[in-house]
Protein backbone atom coordinates (compact mmCIF):
# COMPACT_ATOMS: atom_id res chain seq x y z
CA MET A 1 1.31 17.93 -2.20
CA ASN A 2 3.92 18.68 0.49
CA ILE A 3 4.72 15.42 2.28
CA ALA A 4 7.01 14.90 5.27
CA LEU A 5 8.38 11.50 6.32
CA LEU A 6 9.42 11.14 9.97
CA HIS A 7 11.64 8.51 11.57
CA TYR A 8 14.51 8.29 14.04
CA SER A 9 17.01 8.03 11.18
CA VAL A 10 17.13 7.85 7.38
CA PRO A 11 19.73 6.56 4.89
CA PRO A 12 22.65 6.16 4.71
CA ILE A 13 21.87 4.77 8.16
CA VAL A 14 21.25 1.08 7.44
CA GLY A 15 17.94 -0.43 8.49
CA GLY A 16 14.79 -1.98 7.08
CA VAL A 17 12.56 1.01 7.86
CA GLU A 18 15.21 3.42 6.60
CA SER A 19 15.32 1.53 3.30
CA VAL A 20 11.52 1.63 2.97
CA ILE A 21 11.48 5.37 3.66
CA ALA A 22 14.03 5.94 0.90
CA HIS A 23 11.89 4.03 -1.61
CA HIS A 24 8.73 5.83 -0.52
CA ALA A 25 10.39 9.23 -0.77
CA ARG A 26 11.73 8.57 -4.28
CA LEU A 27 8.41 7.22 -5.53
CA MET A 28 6.44 10.14 -4.10
CA SER A 29 8.93 12.62 -5.52
CA MET A 30 8.75 10.98 -8.96
CA ALA A 31 4.95 11.26 -8.74
CA GLY A 32 5.32 15.03 -8.40
CA HIS A 33 5.01 15.51 -4.64
CA SER A 34 7.25 17.89 -2.73
CA MET A 35 9.17 15.76 -0.23
CA GLN A 36 10.86 16.36 3.11
CA LEU A 37 12.60 13.93 5.43
CA ILE A 38 12.65 14.64 9.16
CA ALA A 39 15.02 12.56 11.29
CA GLY A 40 17.69 12.64 13.97
CA ARG A 41 20.39 11.13 11.75
CA GLY A 42 21.02 10.65 8.06
CA GLU A 43 21.46 12.63 4.87
CA ALA A 44 19.30 14.19 2.18
CA LEU A 45 18.48 11.67 -0.55
CA SER A 46 18.79 14.32 -3.27
CA ASN A 47 18.20 17.99 -3.93
CA GLN A 48 14.54 17.13 -4.43
CA ILE A 49 14.34 15.18 -1.16
CA PRO A 50 15.97 17.33 1.55
CA LEU A 51 16.47 16.35 5.18
CA THR A 52 15.45 18.46 8.16
CA LEU A 53 17.78 17.26 10.88
CA LEU A 54 16.32 17.18 14.42
CA PRO A 55 19.07 15.60 16.57
CA LEU A 56 16.65 15.01 19.47
CA ALA A 57 14.53 12.78 17.19
CA ASP A 58 17.38 10.27 17.09
CA SER A 59 16.85 7.21 19.26
CA ARG A 60 20.59 7.28 20.08
CA HIS A 61 20.93 10.93 21.12
CA PRO A 62 22.56 11.09 24.59
CA ARG A 63 19.62 12.95 26.16
CA VAL A 64 17.15 10.54 24.59
CA ALA A 65 19.19 7.57 25.82
CA GLU A 66 19.29 8.96 29.36
CA VAL A 67 15.53 9.55 29.42
CA LYS A 68 14.98 6.03 28.06
CA LYS A 69 16.92 4.58 30.99
CA GLN A 70 14.53 6.39 33.32
CA LEU A 71 11.48 5.25 31.36
CA ASP A 72 12.74 1.66 31.33
CA ARG A 73 12.62 1.84 35.15
CA GLY A 74 9.04 3.15 34.94
CA GLU A 75 10.05 6.72 35.80
CA VAL A 76 8.45 9.68 34.01
CA THR A 77 10.63 12.63 35.04
CA VAL A 78 10.90 16.34 34.31
CA TYR A 79 13.72 15.46 31.90
CA PHE A 80 11.22 13.50 29.82
CA GLU A 81 8.74 16.38 29.86
CA SER A 82 11.43 18.89 28.91
CA LEU A 83 12.61 16.71 26.04
CA ARG A 84 9.04 16.20 24.84
CA ASP A 85 8.31 19.93 24.87
CA GLU A 86 11.51 20.80 23.00
CA LEU A 87 10.72 18.21 20.36
CA ALA A 88 7.18 19.54 20.00
CA VAL A 89 8.50 23.01 19.18
CA GLU A 90 11.10 21.65 16.75
CA LEU A 91 8.57 19.40 15.02
CA GLN A 92 6.04 22.17 14.63
CA ASN A 93 8.65 24.41 13.03
CA ALA A 94 9.88 21.62 10.75
CA LEU A 95 6.34 20.90 9.57
CA SER A 96 5.35 24.46 8.76
CA ARG A 97 4.82 23.66 5.06
CA ALA A 98 3.74 20.02 5.28
CA GLU A 99 0.26 18.96 4.23
CA VAL A 100 0.78 15.30 5.15
CA LEU A 101 3.02 13.80 7.81
CA ILE A 102 3.88 10.09 7.61
CA ALA A 103 5.47 8.84 10.84
CA HIS A 104 7.22 5.49 10.50
CA ASN A 105 7.30 3.38 13.69
CA VAL A 106 7.50 6.48 15.90
CA CYS A 107 4.07 5.74 17.35
CA SER A 108 4.46 1.99 17.67
CA LEU A 109 7.88 1.54 19.28
CA GLY A 110 9.36 3.07 22.43
CA LYS A 111 12.75 3.96 20.95
CA ASN A 112 12.12 7.65 21.63
CA LEU A 113 8.94 8.08 23.66
CA ALA A 114 9.55 11.80 24.01
CA LEU A 115 9.22 12.07 20.22
CA THR A 116 6.04 9.98 20.33
CA ALA A 117 4.62 12.18 23.10
CA ALA A 118 5.58 15.39 21.27
CA LEU A 119 3.81 14.16 18.16
CA HIS A 120 0.73 13.25 20.20
CA GLN A 121 0.74 16.61 21.95
CA LEU A 122 0.78 18.46 18.63
CA HIS A 123 -1.87 16.15 17.16
CA ILE A 124 -4.44 16.58 19.91
CA SER A 125 -3.79 20.34 19.80
CA LYS A 126 -4.55 20.22 16.07
CA LYS A 127 -1.14 21.62 15.19
CA LEU A 128 -0.20 18.83 12.80
CA PRO A 129 -1.06 18.29 9.14
CA ARG A 130 -2.94 15.17 8.12
CA LEU A 131 -1.25 12.36 10.08
CA ILE A 132 -0.50 8.89 8.74
CA LEU A 133 0.98 6.44 11.25
CA TRP A 134 2.96 3.73 9.44
CA HIS A 135 3.48 0.73 11.71
CA HIS A 136 6.22 -1.75 10.83
CA ASP A 137 6.61 -3.14 14.37
CA LEU A 138 4.43 -3.01 17.50
CA ALA A 139 6.09 -2.87 20.90
CA TRP A 140 3.03 -3.98 22.85
CA THR A 141 2.61 -7.19 20.81
CA THR A 142 6.32 -8.11 20.73
CA PRO A 143 7.61 -9.98 23.83
CA ARG A 144 11.16 -8.67 23.54
CA TYR A 145 9.93 -5.14 24.27
CA HIS A 146 7.67 -5.98 27.20
CA HIS A 147 10.31 -5.27 29.85
CA GLU A 148 10.40 -1.65 28.60
CA LEU A 149 6.64 -1.07 28.85
CA TYR A 150 4.43 0.06 31.73
CA LYS A 151 0.78 0.95 32.13
CA GLY A 152 -0.01 4.61 31.77
CA TYR A 153 1.49 7.62 30.02
CA PRO A 154 3.58 7.73 27.85
CA TRP A 155 3.71 4.00 27.14
CA ASP A 156 -0.04 3.82 26.49
CA LEU A 157 0.43 6.16 23.51
CA LEU A 158 1.79 3.10 21.72
CA ARG A 159 -1.47 1.17 22.19
CA THR A 160 -4.07 3.91 21.86
CA ASP A 161 -5.91 5.20 18.82
CA TRP A 162 -5.21 8.91 18.77
CA GLY A 163 -8.24 9.65 16.63
CA GLU A 164 -8.31 11.41 13.25
CA THR A 165 -5.31 9.49 12.01
CA THR A 166 -4.74 7.01 9.21
CA HIS A 167 -3.15 3.73 10.26
CA VAL A 168 -1.00 1.73 7.87
CA VAL A 169 0.62 -1.65 8.56
CA VAL A 170 2.89 -3.82 6.44
CA SER A 171 1.08 -7.17 6.66
CA GLU A 172 -2.20 -8.84 7.55
CA LEU A 173 -0.55 -10.12 10.73
CA ARG A 174 0.23 -6.56 11.80
CA ARG A 175 -3.31 -5.46 10.91
CA LYS A 176 -4.82 -8.06 13.22
CA GLU A 177 -2.37 -7.20 16.00
CA LEU A 178 -2.96 -3.47 15.70
CA ALA A 179 -6.74 -3.81 15.46
CA ASP A 180 -6.81 -5.89 18.65
CA LEU A 181 -4.33 -3.59 20.40
CA ILE A 182 -6.04 -0.25 19.80
CA GLU A 183 -9.57 -1.63 19.37
CA LEU A 184 -10.18 -0.63 15.78
CA GLU A 185 -12.05 -2.39 13.01
CA PRO A 186 -9.44 -4.19 10.88
CA ALA A 187 -10.99 -2.76 7.71
CA SER A 188 -10.10 0.75 8.90
CA ILE A 189 -6.38 -0.13 8.82
CA SER A 190 -4.61 -0.12 5.45
CA VAL A 191 -2.17 -2.89 4.58
CA ILE A 192 0.67 -1.68 2.36
CA PRO A 193 3.52 -4.19 2.04
CA ASN A 194 7.20 -3.58 1.52
CA GLY A 195 8.67 -4.31 -1.88
CA VAL A 196 11.67 -4.63 -4.14
CA ASP A 197 13.13 -2.15 -6.60
CA ALA A 198 13.21 -4.42 -9.65
CA VAL A 199 15.60 -2.20 -11.61
CA ARG A 200 18.20 -2.21 -8.84
CA PHE A 201 17.65 -5.84 -7.92
CA TYR A 202 18.12 -7.02 -11.50
CA LYS A 203 20.88 -4.43 -12.13
CA LEU A 204 19.21 -3.56 -15.42
CA GLU A 205 20.96 -1.68 -18.21
CA SER A 206 19.63 1.80 -18.90
CA GLN A 207 18.40 0.70 -22.34
CA THR A 208 16.55 -2.21 -20.75
CA GLN A 209 14.90 0.17 -18.32
CA THR A 210 13.73 2.35 -21.20
CA LEU A 211 12.31 -0.61 -23.10
CA LEU A 212 10.52 -1.93 -20.03
CA GLU A 213 8.97 1.47 -19.44
CA GLN A 214 7.85 1.71 -23.07
CA THR A 215 6.28 -1.75 -23.07
CA HIS A 216 5.08 -1.89 -19.42
CA LEU A 217 6.35 -5.46 -19.60
CA LEU A 218 6.89 -5.85 -15.86
CA ASP A 219 3.15 -5.47 -15.36
CA ALA A 220 2.58 -8.62 -17.43
CA GLU A 221 2.03 -12.03 -15.84
CA PRO A 222 3.54 -14.27 -17.11
CA ILE A 223 6.20 -12.95 -19.52
CA LEU A 224 7.25 -15.13 -22.48
CA LEU A 225 10.62 -14.40 -24.06
CA LEU A 226 11.34 -15.03 -27.74
CA PRO A 227 14.90 -13.78 -28.34
CA VAL A 228 15.10 -14.16 -32.12
CA ARG A 229 15.32 -12.12 -35.31
CA MET A 230 12.12 -11.43 -37.24
CA THR A 231 12.49 -14.07 -39.95
CA PRO A 232 9.96 -16.68 -41.16
CA ARG A 233 11.93 -19.70 -39.93
CA LYS A 234 11.49 -18.49 -36.35
CA ASN A 235 7.77 -19.33 -36.64
CA ILE A 236 6.65 -16.25 -34.72
CA GLU A 237 3.10 -16.77 -35.98
CA LEU A 238 2.76 -19.76 -33.67
CA ALA A 239 4.01 -17.63 -30.77
CA LEU A 240 1.33 -15.01 -31.45
CA ARG A 241 -1.48 -17.53 -31.81
CA THR A 242 -0.32 -19.36 -28.68
CA LEU A 243 -0.27 -16.07 -26.80
CA ALA A 244 -3.84 -15.35 -27.86
CA ASP A 245 -4.95 -18.72 -26.49
CA LEU A 246 -2.92 -18.35 -23.30
CA LYS A 247 -4.59 -15.02 -22.58
CA LYS A 248 -7.86 -16.89 -22.04
CA GLN A 249 -6.40 -18.20 -18.78
CA PHE A 250 -3.79 -15.50 -18.12
CA PRO A 251 -5.28 -12.22 -19.39
CA GLN A 252 -2.18 -10.21 -18.44
CA THR A 253 0.35 -12.46 -20.17
CA ALA A 254 2.77 -10.95 -22.68
CA LEU A 255 5.31 -11.98 -25.31
CA VAL A 256 8.47 -10.03 -26.12
CA VAL A 257 10.38 -10.63 -29.35
CA THR A 258 13.78 -9.04 -28.91
CA GLY A 259 15.44 -9.26 -32.34
CA PRO A 260 15.47 -6.95 -35.35
CA LEU A 261 14.45 -7.94 -38.85
CA GLY A 262 16.74 -10.51 -40.41
CA PRO A 263 19.55 -8.67 -42.23
CA HIS A 264 19.98 -10.83 -45.32
CA ASN A 265 16.54 -11.20 -46.89
CA VAL A 266 14.36 -8.40 -48.26
CA ASP A 267 11.31 -10.58 -47.63
CA ASN A 268 11.77 -10.08 -43.89
CA LEU A 269 10.08 -6.68 -44.10
CA LYS A 270 7.07 -8.35 -45.67
CA TYR A 271 7.16 -10.94 -42.87
CA PHE A 272 7.29 -8.23 -40.24
CA ARG A 273 4.24 -6.55 -41.77
CA HIS A 274 2.46 -9.91 -41.80
CA LEU A 275 3.22 -10.38 -38.08
CA SER A 276 2.05 -6.88 -37.26
CA SER A 277 -1.21 -7.52 -39.11
CA LEU A 278 -1.67 -10.85 -37.32
CA ARG A 279 -1.00 -9.20 -33.97
CA GLU A 280 -3.74 -6.67 -34.66
CA GLU A 281 -6.10 -9.37 -35.91
CA LEU A 282 -5.61 -11.30 -32.66
CA GLY A 283 -6.01 -8.18 -30.50
CA LEU A 284 -2.50 -8.47 -29.10
CA GLN A 285 -1.28 -4.89 -29.67
CA ASN A 286 -0.63 -4.41 -25.94
CA SER A 287 0.53 -7.97 -25.28
CA ALA A 288 2.96 -8.90 -28.08
CA HIS A 289 5.96 -6.58 -28.08
CA PHE A 290 8.33 -6.41 -31.04
CA LEU A 291 11.39 -4.55 -29.86
CA ALA A 292 12.30 -3.98 -33.51
CA GLU A 293 9.61 -1.29 -33.45
CA LEU A 294 11.48 0.52 -30.67
CA VAL A 295 15.14 -0.14 -31.56
CA ASP A 296 16.77 0.13 -34.99
CA SER A 297 19.61 -2.33 -34.42
CA PHE A 298 20.66 -5.44 -32.53
CA LEU A 299 20.37 -5.10 -28.79
CA PRO A 300 23.60 -5.54 -26.80
CA ASP A 301 24.14 -8.89 -25.13
CA GLU A 302 23.80 -7.21 -21.73
CA VAL A 303 20.29 -6.03 -22.59
CA ILE A 304 19.27 -9.44 -23.91
CA ALA A 305 20.55 -10.98 -20.67
CA ASP A 306 18.33 -8.54 -18.77
CA PHE A 307 15.27 -9.84 -20.57
CA TYR A 308 16.16 -13.40 -19.59
CA ARG A 309 16.19 -12.23 -15.96
CA VAL A 310 12.79 -10.57 -16.07
CA ALA A 311 11.01 -13.24 -18.18
CA ASP A 312 9.10 -16.21 -16.81
CA ALA A 313 9.75 -18.67 -19.65
CA LEU A 314 11.66 -19.02 -22.89
CA PHE A 315 9.33 -19.75 -25.82
CA LEU A 316 11.10 -20.91 -28.98
CA PRO A 317 8.82 -22.23 -31.77
CA SER A 318 11.46 -22.27 -34.56
CA LEU A 319 10.92 -24.32 -37.68
CA GLU A 320 14.66 -24.85 -38.00
CA GLU A 321 17.81 -24.01 -36.04
CA GLY A 322 21.43 -24.88 -36.67
CA PHE A 323 22.18 -24.76 -32.96
CA GLY A 324 19.85 -22.94 -30.52
CA ILE A 325 21.75 -20.47 -28.36
CA PRO A 326 18.59 -19.30 -26.51
CA VAL A 327 18.25 -22.73 -24.89
CA ILE A 328 21.73 -22.35 -23.39
CA GLU A 329 21.07 -18.78 -22.30
CA ALA A 330 17.80 -19.83 -20.68
CA ALA A 331 19.66 -22.54 -18.75
CA PHE A 332 22.18 -20.01 -17.45
CA SER A 333 19.22 -17.87 -16.38
CA HIS A 334 17.38 -20.76 -14.68
CA LEU A 335 14.50 -20.08 -17.05
CA PRO A 336 12.09 -22.89 -18.04
CA THR A 337 12.19 -23.60 -21.76
CA PHE A 338 9.33 -24.41 -24.12
CA CYS A 339 10.57 -25.12 -27.62
CA ALA A 340 9.84 -26.76 -30.91
CA ASP A 341 10.76 -30.43 -31.17
CA ILE A 342 13.41 -30.12 -33.86
CA PRO A 343 16.76 -31.98 -33.92
CA SER A 344 19.07 -29.16 -32.86
CA LEU A 345 16.89 -28.10 -29.91
CA ARG A 346 16.30 -31.72 -28.87
CA GLU A 347 20.08 -32.22 -28.88
CA LEU A 348 20.54 -29.33 -26.46
CA GLY A 349 17.46 -29.72 -24.30
CA LEU A 350 17.40 -33.54 -24.02
CA ASN A 351 14.64 -34.33 -21.53
CA ASP A 352 15.00 -31.09 -19.61
CA VAL A 353 12.76 -28.80 -21.63
CA THR A 354 9.11 -28.97 -22.76
CA TYR A 355 8.68 -29.73 -26.45
CA PHE A 356 5.87 -29.21 -28.95
CA ARG A 357 5.62 -29.79 -32.68
CA PRO A 358 6.42 -26.63 -34.66
CA ASN A 359 3.10 -27.04 -36.49
CA GLU A 360 1.14 -27.85 -33.33
CA GLU A 361 -2.29 -26.37 -32.66
CA PRO A 362 -1.78 -23.12 -30.70
CA ALA A 363 -4.38 -24.16 -28.13
CA LYS A 364 -2.37 -27.28 -27.27
CA VAL A 365 0.83 -25.29 -26.88
CA ALA A 366 -0.99 -22.77 -24.71
CA ARG A 367 -2.17 -25.64 -22.49
CA LEU A 368 1.45 -26.73 -21.97
CA LEU A 369 2.33 -23.24 -20.81
CA ALA A 370 -0.79 -22.85 -18.70
CA ASP A 371 -0.24 -26.21 -16.99
CA TYR A 372 3.26 -25.14 -16.05
CA PHE A 373 2.23 -21.75 -14.69
CA HIS A 374 -0.64 -23.30 -12.76
CA SER A 375 1.38 -26.17 -11.30
CA SER A 376 4.82 -24.75 -10.59
CA PRO A 377 5.05 -23.11 -7.13
CA THR A 378 8.20 -21.29 -8.23
CA ALA A 379 6.49 -19.85 -11.30
CA ARG A 380 3.33 -18.92 -9.41
CA LEU A 381 5.33 -17.17 -6.70
CA ALA A 382 7.49 -15.26 -9.19
CA VAL A 383 4.51 -14.01 -11.18
CA ARG A 384 2.49 -13.06 -8.10
CA ILE A 385 5.35 -11.29 -6.35
CA ARG A 386 6.31 -9.29 -9.43
CA ALA A 387 2.70 -8.17 -9.88
CA ASN A 388 2.21 -7.11 -6.27
CA PHE A 389 5.55 -6.44 -4.60
CA ARG A 390 7.50 -4.21 -6.97
CA TRP A 391 7.75 -0.75 -5.47
CA GLU A 392 6.23 0.79 -8.60
CA ALA A 393 3.22 -1.54 -8.36
CA ILE A 394 2.85 -0.94 -4.63
CA TYR A 395 2.91 2.81 -5.16
CA ARG A 396 0.36 2.69 -7.97
CA GLN A 397 -1.97 0.22 -6.26
CA LYS A 398 -1.67 1.28 -2.62
CA ILE A 399 0.33 4.39 -1.77
CA ALA A 400 -1.08 6.80 -4.36
CA PRO A 401 -4.70 6.05 -3.31
CA LEU A 402 -3.67 6.46 0.34
CA LEU A 403 -2.22 9.90 -0.30
CA SER A 404 -5.32 10.97 -2.21
CA GLY A 405 -7.49 9.84 0.69
CA GLY A 406 -9.00 6.86 -1.13
CA CYS A 407 -7.32 4.05 0.82
């Protein structure tokens, strides 16, 4: 699908809407769509995401600024009409190949009303592709813009349903405001929030990114981290059985065991096969991830640190430990720790971690975890936000259906 994104400016111009457009463009391009940016200022994001520069679309163009001064006095002059008509011609030419046009804020703010009017003129003349109006801000519901608004054309274009368009807002608040403003049923307006690029935010190593893609771990909620080698004294059986019980309350939960097989004991291969069999028996093939199946050697410290950042809790059921480095690493990562009550871990954790007997019933250990994830506002927020506000999740859940016409 050929998709065009329209705004006054695009990156590297700094702004919230500009940032969102960049994320949208990259996600749509990665999904196989042919992308085009249309703006008054900015640069192409890549060879796959070119920019069609229309200087008159810029809110800061001298002619646009002069016309805005007139409009702010309530004057609709021939200069406005001339600017509108020029923009209409330029837009139509720029959109010759587009099948979908997504206009960000152009039809909700008065930063360049000539651009808004040109878009409207083309739309009612049926010279535009499918039109999606993406509203981040609404001039008519925001007091700081009221001194710039007047009854009548072209200001009313910002509070009128143009017909045969798709409206998108970024929050339930904006949906209510827009529905009241243009007299639409709220259900007809899609809510698609802004998000965070988890890879960039966490500054993840390239190997971490690959492992997360292979395991789909970021789609899990919550994520339990077990950063140990695959040896019997690490008591990974209890982790698997606890995970199976925890899934009764958190069906999307996952466990990631980061270490390879222990290097000094040939029985570790037998242990690994035992764990793999137990995982299958418990139906955890898509929930319990052994990175030893994906990587042949120890993971670098930087990659292990990445997993501490993306996890929701450290889970350490060891039967014995001489020290317990993961407890320290979890503390540096502000990660809650659930660990076996053995002397070395008690020495490190004191009263600041949650303990369980290493031979405890899995259901009881699962209850400890579930109680934490139910009761901790910080944990609940982290899990919910990761599930719903990563750009990849937003694209999959909201934007892709919108583009296909199903949202």
